[in-house]
N, C-alpha and C. Protein backbone atom coordinates (compact mmCIF):
# COMPACT_ATOMS: atom_id res chain seq x y z
N MET A 1 34.97 97.39 19.91
CA MET A 1 35.02 95.95 19.80
C MET A 1 34.60 95.34 21.14
N LYS A 2 33.71 94.39 21.09
CA LYS A 2 33.25 93.73 22.30
C LYS A 2 34.24 92.66 22.73
N ALA A 3 34.42 92.56 24.04
CA ALA A 3 35.30 91.51 24.57
C ALA A 3 34.56 90.18 24.54
N MET A 4 35.25 89.14 24.11
CA MET A 4 34.65 87.81 24.04
C MET A 4 34.87 87.10 25.37
N VAL A 5 33.81 86.60 25.94
CA VAL A 5 33.90 85.88 27.20
C VAL A 5 33.89 84.39 26.91
N MET A 6 34.92 83.72 27.35
CA MET A 6 35.03 82.27 27.14
C MET A 6 34.70 81.57 28.45
N GLU A 7 33.66 80.77 28.45
CA GLU A 7 33.32 79.99 29.63
C GLU A 7 34.06 78.67 29.58
N LYS A 8 34.40 78.18 30.78
CA LYS A 8 35.07 76.89 30.85
C LYS A 8 34.14 75.80 30.36
N VAL A 9 34.70 74.87 29.61
CA VAL A 9 33.92 73.75 29.10
C VAL A 9 34.00 72.57 30.07
N TRP A 10 35.18 72.31 30.61
CA TRP A 10 35.38 71.22 31.56
C TRP A 10 35.44 71.79 32.96
N LEU A 11 34.57 71.31 33.85
CA LEU A 11 34.49 71.81 35.22
C LEU A 11 35.01 70.76 36.20
N SER A 12 35.65 71.24 37.26
CA SER A 12 36.09 70.34 38.33
C SER A 12 34.85 69.85 39.09
N VAL A 13 35.06 68.90 39.98
CA VAL A 13 33.93 68.38 40.77
C VAL A 13 33.29 69.50 41.57
N CYS A 14 34.10 70.34 42.21
CA CYS A 14 33.55 71.45 43.01
C CYS A 14 32.80 72.45 42.13
N GLU A 15 33.36 72.79 40.98
CA GLU A 15 32.70 73.72 40.07
C GLU A 15 31.41 73.14 39.53
N ALA A 16 31.43 71.85 39.18
CA ALA A 16 30.22 71.20 38.67
C ALA A 16 29.14 71.15 39.73
N ALA A 17 29.51 70.85 40.96
CA ALA A 17 28.54 70.80 42.05
C ALA A 17 27.88 72.16 42.25
N GLU A 18 28.68 73.21 42.22
CA GLU A 18 28.13 74.56 42.36
C GLU A 18 27.22 74.89 41.17
N TYR A 19 27.62 74.51 39.98
CA TYR A 19 26.86 74.80 38.77
C TYR A 19 25.48 74.16 38.80
N VAL A 20 25.39 72.90 39.27
CA VAL A 20 24.10 72.21 39.29
C VAL A 20 23.36 72.38 40.61
N GLY A 21 24.00 73.00 41.59
CA GLY A 21 23.32 73.26 42.86
C GLY A 21 23.25 72.06 43.78
N LEU A 22 24.24 71.17 43.68
CA LEU A 22 24.31 70.00 44.56
C LEU A 22 25.59 70.06 45.37
N ALA A 23 25.61 69.27 46.44
CA ALA A 23 26.84 69.15 47.23
C ALA A 23 27.87 68.36 46.44
N ARG A 24 29.13 68.66 46.66
CA ARG A 24 30.23 67.95 45.99
C ARG A 24 30.11 66.45 46.22
N GLN A 25 29.85 66.07 47.46
CA GLN A 25 29.77 64.65 47.80
C GLN A 25 28.62 63.96 47.07
N THR A 26 27.55 64.67 46.80
CA THR A 26 26.42 64.09 46.06
C THR A 26 26.87 63.70 44.65
N LEU A 27 27.65 64.57 43.99
CA LEU A 27 28.16 64.21 42.66
C LEU A 27 29.10 63.02 42.74
N VAL A 28 29.95 63.00 43.76
CA VAL A 28 30.87 61.88 43.93
C VAL A 28 30.08 60.59 44.13
N ASN A 29 29.05 60.64 44.97
CA ASN A 29 28.22 59.45 45.23
C ASN A 29 27.50 58.99 43.97
N ARG A 30 26.95 59.92 43.21
CA ARG A 30 26.24 59.57 41.97
C ARG A 30 27.20 58.91 40.98
N ARG A 31 28.40 59.42 40.87
CA ARG A 31 29.38 58.83 39.96
C ARG A 31 29.72 57.41 40.41
N GLY A 32 29.88 57.20 41.71
CA GLY A 32 30.18 55.88 42.24
C GLY A 32 29.09 54.86 41.95
N LYS A 33 27.85 55.35 41.82
CA LYS A 33 26.71 54.47 41.51
C LYS A 33 26.47 54.35 40.01
N GLY A 34 27.29 55.03 39.21
CA GLY A 34 27.12 54.98 37.75
C GLY A 34 25.98 55.83 37.24
N LEU A 35 25.56 56.82 38.02
CA LEU A 35 24.45 57.69 37.63
C LEU A 35 24.97 58.96 36.95
N ARG A 36 24.06 59.60 36.21
CA ARG A 36 24.39 60.88 35.58
C ARG A 36 24.41 61.98 36.64
N PRO A 37 25.10 63.06 36.39
CA PRO A 37 25.82 63.39 35.18
C PRO A 37 27.14 62.64 35.09
N ARG A 38 27.54 62.33 33.86
CA ARG A 38 28.77 61.57 33.64
C ARG A 38 30.00 62.48 33.77
N ALA A 39 31.05 61.91 34.31
CA ALA A 39 32.32 62.62 34.43
C ALA A 39 33.37 61.91 33.59
N ASN A 40 34.40 62.63 33.22
CA ASN A 40 35.50 62.08 32.43
C ASN A 40 36.82 62.46 33.08
N LYS A 41 37.84 61.67 32.79
CA LYS A 41 39.19 62.02 33.22
C LYS A 41 39.81 62.89 32.13
N VAL A 42 40.23 64.08 32.51
CA VAL A 42 40.91 64.99 31.60
C VAL A 42 42.22 65.37 32.29
N ALA A 43 43.33 65.07 31.63
CA ALA A 43 44.65 65.32 32.22
C ALA A 43 44.75 64.67 33.59
N ASN A 44 44.23 63.45 33.69
CA ASN A 44 44.27 62.64 34.91
C ASN A 44 43.48 63.24 36.08
N ARG A 45 42.55 64.12 35.78
CA ARG A 45 41.68 64.71 36.81
C ARG A 45 40.23 64.53 36.38
N LEU A 46 39.38 64.35 37.36
CA LEU A 46 37.96 64.15 37.09
C LEU A 46 37.33 65.48 36.69
N ARG A 47 36.65 65.49 35.54
CA ARG A 47 36.01 66.71 35.04
C ARG A 47 34.62 66.40 34.52
N TYR A 48 33.75 67.40 34.61
CA TYR A 48 32.39 67.32 34.08
C TYR A 48 32.30 68.30 32.92
N HIS A 49 31.76 67.83 31.79
CA HIS A 49 31.58 68.69 30.62
C HIS A 49 30.31 69.50 30.82
N ARG A 50 30.41 70.79 30.56
CA ARG A 50 29.27 71.69 30.77
C ARG A 50 28.03 71.24 29.98
N ASP A 51 28.22 70.74 28.75
CA ASP A 51 27.08 70.27 27.95
C ASP A 51 26.39 69.08 28.61
N GLU A 52 27.16 68.18 29.20
CA GLU A 52 26.58 67.03 29.91
C GLU A 52 25.78 67.51 31.11
N LEU A 53 26.31 68.48 31.85
CA LEU A 53 25.59 69.02 33.01
C LEU A 53 24.29 69.69 32.57
N ASP A 54 24.36 70.50 31.50
CA ASP A 54 23.15 71.17 31.00
C ASP A 54 22.10 70.16 30.54
N ASP A 55 22.53 69.12 29.85
CA ASP A 55 21.61 68.08 29.39
C ASP A 55 20.97 67.37 30.58
N TRP A 56 21.77 67.06 31.58
CA TRP A 56 21.27 66.39 32.78
C TRP A 56 20.26 67.29 33.52
N ILE A 57 20.58 68.58 33.61
CA ILE A 57 19.67 69.53 34.26
C ILE A 57 18.34 69.57 33.52
N ARG A 58 18.39 69.68 32.19
CA ARG A 58 17.15 69.72 31.39
C ARG A 58 16.33 68.44 31.57
N SER A 59 16.98 67.30 31.60
CA SER A 59 16.25 66.04 31.71
C SER A 59 15.65 65.83 33.09
N ASN A 60 16.17 66.54 34.10
CA ASN A 60 15.66 66.41 35.46
C ASN A 60 14.81 67.60 35.90
N GLY A 61 14.66 68.58 35.01
CA GLY A 61 13.84 69.73 35.34
C GLY A 61 14.46 70.67 36.35
N HIS A 62 15.79 70.64 36.51
CA HIS A 62 16.47 71.54 37.42
C HIS A 62 17.12 72.66 36.63
N GLU A 63 17.29 73.79 37.29
CA GLU A 63 18.01 74.90 36.71
C GLU A 63 19.38 74.98 37.35
N PRO A 64 20.41 75.38 36.60
CA PRO A 64 21.73 75.51 37.22
C PRO A 64 21.73 76.60 38.28
N ALA A 65 22.60 76.46 39.25
CA ALA A 65 22.70 77.47 40.30
C ALA A 65 23.12 78.79 39.67
N ARG A 66 22.56 79.88 40.17
CA ARG A 66 22.92 81.19 39.66
C ARG A 66 24.33 81.52 40.11
N ARG A 67 25.06 82.18 39.21
CA ARG A 67 26.42 82.56 39.54
C ARG A 67 26.51 84.07 39.58
N GLY A 68 27.45 84.57 40.34
CA GLY A 68 27.66 86.00 40.42
C GLY A 68 26.80 86.63 41.51
N ARG A 69 26.79 87.92 41.51
CA ARG A 69 26.03 88.66 42.51
C ARG A 69 24.54 88.55 42.25
N PRO A 70 23.76 88.53 43.33
CA PRO A 70 22.31 88.53 43.13
C PRO A 70 21.87 89.88 42.56
N PRO A 71 20.77 89.90 41.81
CA PRO A 71 20.30 91.16 41.24
C PRO A 71 19.87 92.14 42.33
N LYS A 72 20.07 93.42 42.06
CA LYS A 72 19.65 94.45 43.02
C LYS A 72 18.14 94.56 43.01
N THR A 73 17.58 94.79 44.18
CA THR A 73 16.12 94.93 44.27
C THR A 73 15.72 96.33 44.58
């Protein structure tokens, strides 16, 4: 039986910044200006939905930051 991997759907500001390859403060500044990607309050904390980040990345031609170890060469 294969183990099912569940990825987080709601990311913190730091996690979202790492995911899209931007500085945390850049996301904070963009939110303050009303720019995408949009964030929501979840349990009274600011969170970014992974689908919103992916949509924003596609619309801007950016790829999400790679996660994990770099491939061996």
